[in-house]
Amino acid sequence: MAGSTPASPTVDAPGVTAQGDAVGIAAPGTTRARHVTPWTEAWRRFRRHRLAVVSVVILLTMILAVMFGPLLWRAQINDIDFTAQLQGPSLAHPLGTDDLGQDLLARMLYGGRISLAVGLAAMSVSVVVGTIVGSLAGISRGLVDNALVWLIDLFLSLPQLPVLLLLIYLFRDSLKHLVGQELGIFILIVAGIGSFRWMTVARLVRAQFFALREKEFVEAARALGASTFRVVVRHILPNALGPVIVAGTIDVAAAIIAESTLSFLGLGFPADIPTWGRLLYDAKDNLDVAPHWALFAGGAITLAVLTINFIGDGLRDALDPRRIL
């Protein structure tokens, strides 16, 4: 009727009180919206990156192979057979043999453990150190921030390979006598590579802190009386981890290449420890008669680095909220 006031929908609607509270049963055919967490959404976006998903499968296969392969392939890495020198791939030796008749498959599986372990350990060092330094620089102002930025720039200006070679020459013997040859070289290489990879992580974390520390949810936490440490750990740092995860995957690939470079130069692990880089170094004098020796070792390094880089690309796309997938 013209001029009349329409009835309130909250009063007339069945199953709803005047205060808007639902008291009835939902209509048939309706479904409640499913709660999606940020990590669930990141996984959905990551799955759309086909190369990244394939790379995850390949990298997991490589990790499982180097972990459990020696349990299935029982050949010893130091068994010498001069009657099988420089043989190509065969049923007895699927990846061939080296100049001493040693089985390359067994040596590749053993060396893969060390190469991948060096990459993961060096990445952990760089991420932890970079996150701590970047957090301190990002939450601080004035002298502390300037000093940490100066420290980051100082390490960025140092040439990585010459300094690594110098560190190995200076501390290799002392660490070998202290903790043993293999563990000493491992610690030295991991510490050396990690000490030259944290700067990128620190700059990323510092930039994220600058963008997040003035956000409304951070100001609200401060207004509620949260300490600076709680604001950093509970509110800012979890929202800054996306770029750190991406940088960490890239650091794994860079560390594997750095270890392979040191081993190829003869300054990495000893000759009786067959890392992938050491296998390349040993194969360089027999490229004309036994190309398989270098191809398999170089192919393993290339495949590991490529898969890790593709995984980093997928993580970058999945953790970037501005990118539409």
Protein backbone atom coordinates (compact mmCIF):
# COMPACT_ATOMS: atom_id res chain seq x y z
CA MET A 1 0.00 0.00 0.00
CA ALA A 2 1.36 3.43 -0.95
CA GLY A 3 2.81 5.40 1.94
CA SER A 4 3.02 2.40 4.25
CA THR A 5 6.31 1.40 5.92
CA PRO A 6 7.69 -1.97 4.76
CA ALA A 7 8.07 -4.59 7.40
CA SER A 8 11.59 -5.22 8.69
CA PRO A 9 13.17 -8.20 6.93
CA THR A 10 14.79 -9.29 10.18
CA VAL A 11 11.39 -9.49 11.85
CA ASP A 12 9.49 -11.21 9.08
CA ALA A 13 12.22 -13.62 7.98
CA PRO A 14 11.58 -17.06 9.43
CA GLY A 15 14.20 -18.41 11.77
CA VAL A 16 15.83 -14.99 12.45
CA THR A 17 15.34 -12.97 15.62
CA ALA A 18 15.04 -9.18 15.78
CA GLN A 19 18.69 -8.98 16.76
CA GLY A 20 19.72 -10.82 13.59
CA ASP A 21 20.58 -14.13 15.27
CA ALA A 22 19.79 -17.23 13.26
CA VAL A 23 17.58 -19.68 15.11
CA GLY A 24 16.35 -21.89 12.33
CA ILE A 25 17.96 -24.57 10.20
CA ALA A 26 19.80 -23.54 7.04
CA ALA A 27 17.84 -23.95 3.85
CA PRO A 28 18.38 -27.20 1.97
CA GLY A 29 21.11 -27.03 -0.66
CA THR A 30 23.10 -24.28 1.05
CA THR A 31 26.67 -25.00 2.25
CA ARG A 32 28.78 -23.21 4.78
CA ALA A 33 31.79 -21.40 3.33
CA ARG A 34 34.99 -23.38 3.91
CA HIS A 35 37.68 -21.58 5.88
CA VAL A 36 40.90 -21.32 3.83
CA THR A 37 44.14 -20.66 5.66
CA PRO A 38 46.94 -18.63 4.04
CA TRP A 39 49.13 -21.75 3.74
CA THR A 40 46.29 -23.66 2.07
CA GLU A 41 45.93 -20.85 -0.46
CA ALA A 42 49.70 -20.81 -0.98
CA TRP A 43 49.66 -24.56 -1.67
CA ARG A 44 46.82 -24.10 -4.17
CA ARG A 45 48.78 -21.41 -5.97
CA PHE A 46 51.98 -23.46 -5.88
CA ARG A 47 50.26 -26.44 -7.53
CA ARG A 48 49.41 -24.26 -10.51
CA HIS A 49 53.14 -23.87 -11.23
CA ARG A 50 53.68 -27.09 -13.18
CA LEU A 51 57.49 -26.85 -13.37
CA ALA A 52 57.70 -26.29 -9.63
CA VAL A 53 55.57 -29.36 -8.87
CA VAL A 54 57.62 -31.52 -11.25
CA SER A 55 60.79 -30.14 -9.68
CA VAL A 56 59.59 -31.10 -6.21
CA VAL A 57 59.02 -34.67 -7.38
CA ILE A 58 62.46 -34.83 -9.03
CA LEU A 59 64.25 -33.33 -6.03
CA LEU A 60 62.48 -35.66 -3.58
CA THR A 61 63.46 -38.59 -5.81
CA MET A 62 67.09 -37.47 -5.73
CA ILE A 63 67.02 -37.07 -1.95
CA LEU A 64 65.47 -40.50 -1.45
CA ALA A 65 67.99 -42.00 -3.88
CA VAL A 66 71.04 -40.64 -2.05
CA MET A 67 69.56 -41.56 1.34
CA PHE A 68 68.41 -45.11 0.63
CA GLY A 69 70.22 -45.94 -2.61
CA PRO A 70 73.34 -47.33 -0.88
CA LEU A 71 71.09 -49.79 0.95
CA LEU A 72 69.99 -51.22 -2.41
CA TRP A 73 73.23 -50.80 -4.39
CA ARG A 74 75.84 -52.53 -2.23
CA ALA A 75 78.97 -51.66 -4.23
CA GLN A 76 81.63 -49.98 -2.09
CA ILE A 77 82.85 -46.53 -3.08
CA ASN A 78 86.54 -47.42 -2.63
CA ASP A 79 86.61 -50.88 -4.23
CA ILE A 80 89.32 -50.79 -6.90
CA ASP A 81 89.16 -53.00 -10.00
CA PHE A 82 91.88 -52.28 -12.56
CA THR A 83 90.27 -54.68 -15.03
CA ALA A 84 87.21 -52.37 -15.25
CA GLN A 85 88.96 -49.02 -15.73
CA LEU A 86 86.99 -46.26 -17.50
CA GLN A 87 84.19 -48.58 -18.58
CA GLY A 88 80.98 -47.09 -19.86
CA PRO A 89 77.53 -47.77 -18.40
CA SER A 90 76.69 -51.47 -18.19
CA LEU A 91 74.59 -53.85 -16.12
CA ALA A 92 77.45 -54.40 -13.69
CA HIS A 93 78.13 -50.65 -13.44
CA PRO A 94 75.03 -48.64 -14.47
CA LEU A 95 76.94 -45.33 -14.54
CA GLY A 96 80.30 -46.77 -15.58
CA THR A 97 83.60 -46.70 -13.71
CA ASP A 98 86.43 -44.24 -13.13
CA ASP A 99 90.17 -44.55 -13.78
CA LEU A 100 90.58 -46.91 -10.82
CA GLY A 101 87.64 -49.11 -11.77
CA GLN A 102 85.50 -47.76 -8.94
CA ASP A 103 81.73 -47.90 -9.40
CA LEU A 104 80.42 -44.43 -10.25
CA LEU A 105 76.85 -45.13 -9.16
CA ALA A 106 77.97 -45.93 -5.62
CA ARG A 107 80.21 -42.85 -5.55
CA MET A 108 77.45 -40.62 -6.94
CA LEU A 109 74.99 -41.81 -4.30
CA TYR A 110 77.51 -41.25 -1.52
CA GLY A 111 78.64 -37.87 -2.83
CA GLY A 112 75.06 -36.70 -3.29
CA ARG A 113 74.50 -36.93 0.44
CA ILE A 114 77.39 -34.56 1.10
CA SER A 115 76.58 -32.10 -1.69
CA LEU A 116 72.91 -31.81 -0.70
CA ALA A 117 73.77 -31.69 3.01
CA VAL A 118 76.21 -28.84 2.38
CA GLY A 119 73.53 -26.95 0.45
CA LEU A 120 70.86 -27.38 3.13
CA ALA A 121 73.23 -26.63 6.04
CA ALA A 122 74.68 -23.53 4.37
CA MET A 123 71.15 -22.33 3.57
CA SER A 124 70.17 -22.77 7.23
CA VAL A 125 73.17 -20.72 8.37
CA SER A 126 72.46 -17.92 5.90
CA VAL A 127 68.72 -17.80 6.68
CA VAL A 128 69.19 -17.77 10.46
CA VAL A 129 71.94 -15.15 10.44
CA GLY A 130 70.22 -13.03 7.79
CA THR A 131 66.87 -13.13 9.58
CA ILE A 132 68.42 -12.07 12.90
CA VAL A 133 70.46 -9.23 11.40
CA GLY A 134 67.59 -8.08 9.16
CA SER A 135 65.13 -8.12 12.06
CA LEU A 136 67.44 -6.07 14.26
CA ALA A 137 68.04 -3.57 11.48
CA GLY A 138 64.36 -3.38 10.53
CA ILE A 139 62.99 -2.81 14.01
CA SER A 140 65.78 -0.43 15.09
CA ARG A 141 66.35 3.15 14.12
CA GLY A 142 69.33 5.42 14.03
CA LEU A 143 72.78 4.15 14.95
CA VAL A 144 71.95 0.43 15.20
CA ASP A 145 70.29 0.33 11.79
CA ASN A 146 73.13 2.30 10.17
CA ALA A 147 75.78 0.05 11.72
CA LEU A 148 74.05 -3.14 10.55
CA VAL A 149 73.54 -1.76 7.04
CA TRP A 150 77.24 -0.87 6.96
CA LEU A 151 78.07 -4.46 8.02
CA ILE A 152 75.85 -5.87 5.27
CA ASP A 153 77.48 -3.65 2.66
CA LEU A 154 80.92 -4.66 3.93
CA PHE A 155 80.24 -8.36 3.46
CA LEU A 156 78.65 -7.73 0.06
CA SER A 157 81.83 -6.00 -1.10
CA LEU A 158 84.07 -8.98 -0.24
CA PRO A 159 84.96 -11.37 -3.11
CA GLN A 160 83.44 -14.69 -2.15
CA LEU A 161 85.70 -17.26 -3.80
CA PRO A 162 89.11 -15.75 -2.85
CA VAL A 163 88.01 -15.29 0.77
CA LEU A 164 86.69 -18.86 0.89
CA LEU A 165 90.00 -20.15 -0.44
CA LEU A 166 91.86 -18.11 2.18
CA LEU A 167 89.65 -19.42 5.00
CA ILE A 168 90.19 -23.01 3.89
CA TYR A 169 93.96 -22.54 3.76
CA LEU A 170 94.03 -20.93 7.21
CA PHE A 171 91.69 -23.19 9.18
CA ARG A 172 91.63 -26.55 7.39
CA ASP A 173 94.44 -28.18 9.36
CA SER A 174 93.33 -26.87 12.76
CA LEU A 175 89.74 -28.07 12.28
CA LYS A 176 90.98 -31.41 10.94
CA HIS A 177 92.94 -32.04 14.15
CA LEU A 178 90.05 -30.78 16.30
CA VAL A 179 87.01 -32.69 14.94
CA GLY A 180 88.39 -34.95 12.21
CA GLN A 181 89.06 -34.48 8.52
CA GLU A 182 85.62 -35.00 7.01
CA LEU A 183 83.63 -33.16 9.70
CA GLY A 184 86.19 -30.36 9.87
CA ILE A 185 86.01 -29.69 6.13
CA PHE A 186 82.21 -29.90 6.26
CA ILE A 187 82.00 -27.31 9.05
CA LEU A 188 84.51 -25.05 7.32
CA ILE A 189 82.75 -25.15 3.94
CA VAL A 190 79.28 -24.70 5.44
CA ALA A 191 80.41 -21.80 7.63
CA GLY A 192 82.31 -20.20 4.75
CA ILE A 193 79.46 -20.45 2.24
CA GLY A 194 76.82 -19.47 4.80
CA SER A 195 78.81 -16.42 5.87
CA PHE A 196 78.64 -15.06 2.32
CA ARG A 197 74.95 -15.76 1.65
CA TRP A 198 73.16 -14.14 4.61
CA MET A 199 73.34 -10.55 3.32
CA THR A 200 70.58 -10.98 0.73
CA VAL A 201 68.27 -12.49 3.35
CA ALA A 202 69.08 -9.66 5.77
CA ARG A 203 68.22 -6.98 3.21
CA LEU A 204 64.96 -8.72 2.34
CA VAL A 205 63.94 -9.03 6.00
CA ARG A 206 64.90 -5.41 6.70
CA ALA A 207 62.80 -4.19 3.77
CA GLN A 208 59.83 -6.28 4.93
CA PHE A 209 60.14 -4.88 8.45
CA PHE A 210 60.13 -1.32 7.12
CA ALA A 211 56.91 -2.08 5.23
CA LEU A 212 55.19 -3.87 8.12
CA ARG A 213 56.22 -2.07 11.29
CA GLU A 214 53.82 0.85 10.69
CA LYS A 215 50.83 -1.32 9.74
CA GLU A 216 47.60 -1.09 11.72
CA PHE A 217 47.86 -4.56 13.29
CA VAL A 218 51.36 -3.75 14.57
CA GLU A 219 50.17 -0.45 16.03
CA ALA A 220 47.27 -2.28 17.66
CA ALA A 221 49.65 -4.80 19.24
CA ARG A 222 51.77 -1.95 20.60
CA ALA A 223 48.67 -0.18 21.94
CA LEU A 224 47.70 -3.36 23.80
CA GLY A 225 51.06 -3.31 25.58
CA ALA A 226 52.99 -5.91 23.56
CA SER A 227 56.76 -5.71 23.98
CA THR A 228 59.06 -5.09 21.03
CA PHE A 229 60.22 -8.72 21.09
CA ARG A 230 56.61 -9.99 21.00
CA VAL A 231 55.71 -7.60 18.18
CA VAL A 232 58.66 -8.85 16.15
CA VAL A 233 58.21 -12.57 16.81
CA ARG A 234 54.41 -12.81 16.76
CA HIS A 235 53.30 -10.12 14.32
CA ILE A 236 56.01 -8.84 11.97
CA LEU A 237 58.34 -11.78 11.36
CA PRO A 238 55.65 -14.35 10.36
CA ASN A 239 54.39 -11.91 7.72
CA ALA A 240 57.93 -11.39 6.38
CA LEU A 241 58.80 -15.06 5.85
CA GLY A 242 57.60 -15.33 2.25
CA PRO A 243 60.64 -13.68 0.61
CA VAL A 244 62.92 -15.42 3.12
CA ILE A 245 61.67 -18.87 2.04
CA VAL A 246 62.24 -17.99 -1.61
CA ALA A 247 65.74 -16.67 -0.87
CA GLY A 248 66.48 -19.81 1.12
CA THR A 249 65.73 -22.09 -1.82
CA ILE A 250 68.03 -20.03 -4.03
CA ASP A 251 70.75 -20.23 -1.37
CA VAL A 252 70.62 -24.05 -1.47
CA ALA A 253 71.42 -24.02 -5.18
CA ALA A 254 74.16 -21.41 -4.72
CA ALA A 255 75.74 -23.43 -1.90
CA ILE A 256 75.78 -26.62 -4.00
CA ILE A 257 77.52 -24.72 -6.81
CA ALA A 258 80.01 -23.16 -4.37
CA GLU A 259 80.88 -26.54 -2.85
CA SER A 260 81.25 -28.06 -6.30
CA THR A 261 83.53 -25.19 -7.32
CA LEU A 262 85.76 -25.67 -4.27
CA SER A 263 85.92 -29.43 -4.84
CA PHE A 264 86.65 -28.91 -8.55
CA LEU A 265 89.56 -26.66 -7.58
CA GLY A 266 90.86 -29.38 -5.27
CA LEU A 267 90.21 -27.33 -2.13
CA GLY A 268 87.03 -28.95 -0.92
CA PHE A 269 86.63 -32.41 0.54
CA PRO A 270 89.56 -34.85 0.32
CA ALA A 271 90.04 -37.10 -2.69
CA ASP A 272 88.60 -40.15 -0.95
CA ILE A 273 85.28 -38.37 -0.32
CA PRO A 274 83.51 -38.37 -3.71
CA THR A 275 81.30 -35.29 -3.74
CA TRP A 276 79.79 -34.34 -7.08
CA GLY A 277 82.28 -31.51 -7.49
CA ARG A 278 85.18 -33.83 -6.65
CA LEU A 279 83.98 -36.33 -9.25
CA LEU A 280 84.05 -33.54 -11.83
CA TYR A 281 87.58 -32.61 -10.76
CA ASP A 282 88.75 -36.22 -11.10
CA ALA A 283 87.07 -36.61 -14.50
CA LYS A 284 88.64 -33.59 -16.19
CA ASP A 285 91.72 -35.52 -17.38
CA ASN A 286 89.67 -38.28 -19.05
CA LEU A 287 87.00 -36.34 -20.92
CA ASP A 288 88.09 -37.78 -24.28
CA VAL A 289 88.02 -41.47 -23.27
CA ALA A 290 85.38 -41.47 -20.49
CA PRO A 291 82.94 -38.59 -21.01
CA HIS A 292 80.29 -40.41 -18.96
CA TRP A 293 82.34 -39.76 -15.82
CA ALA A 294 81.90 -35.99 -16.07
CA LEU A 295 78.45 -36.08 -17.66
CA PHE A 296 76.79 -37.92 -14.80
CA ALA A 297 78.41 -35.79 -12.08
CA GLY A 298 77.75 -32.54 -13.93
CA GLY A 299 74.23 -33.65 -14.78
CA ALA A 300 73.45 -34.33 -11.12
CA ILE A 301 74.64 -30.86 -10.12
CA THR A 302 72.71 -29.23 -12.97
CA LEU A 303 69.52 -31.15 -12.22
CA ALA A 304 69.65 -30.36 -8.50
CA VAL A 305 70.27 -26.66 -9.11
CA LEU A 306 67.55 -26.40 -11.79
CA THR A 307 64.91 -28.13 -9.68
CA ILE A 308 65.69 -25.95 -6.67
CA ASN A 309 65.49 -22.79 -8.79
CA PHE A 310 62.12 -23.85 -10.24
CA ILE A 311 60.85 -24.60 -6.73
CA GLY A 312 61.96 -21.10 -5.73
CA ASP A 313 60.03 -19.63 -8.67
CA GLY A 314 56.93 -21.55 -7.61
CA LEU A 315 57.26 -20.41 -4.01
CA ARG A 316 57.71 -16.82 -5.13
CA ASP A 317 54.47 -16.95 -7.11
CA ALA A 318 52.61 -18.80 -4.35
CA LEU A 319 53.65 -16.45 -1.55
CA ASP A 320 53.14 -13.20 -3.48
CA PRO A 321 49.61 -11.98 -2.68
CA ARG A 322 49.73 -9.41 -5.49
CA ARG A 323 50.12 -12.07 -8.16
CA ILE A 324 46.87 -13.50 -9.53
CA LEU A 325 46.91 -17.24 -10.23
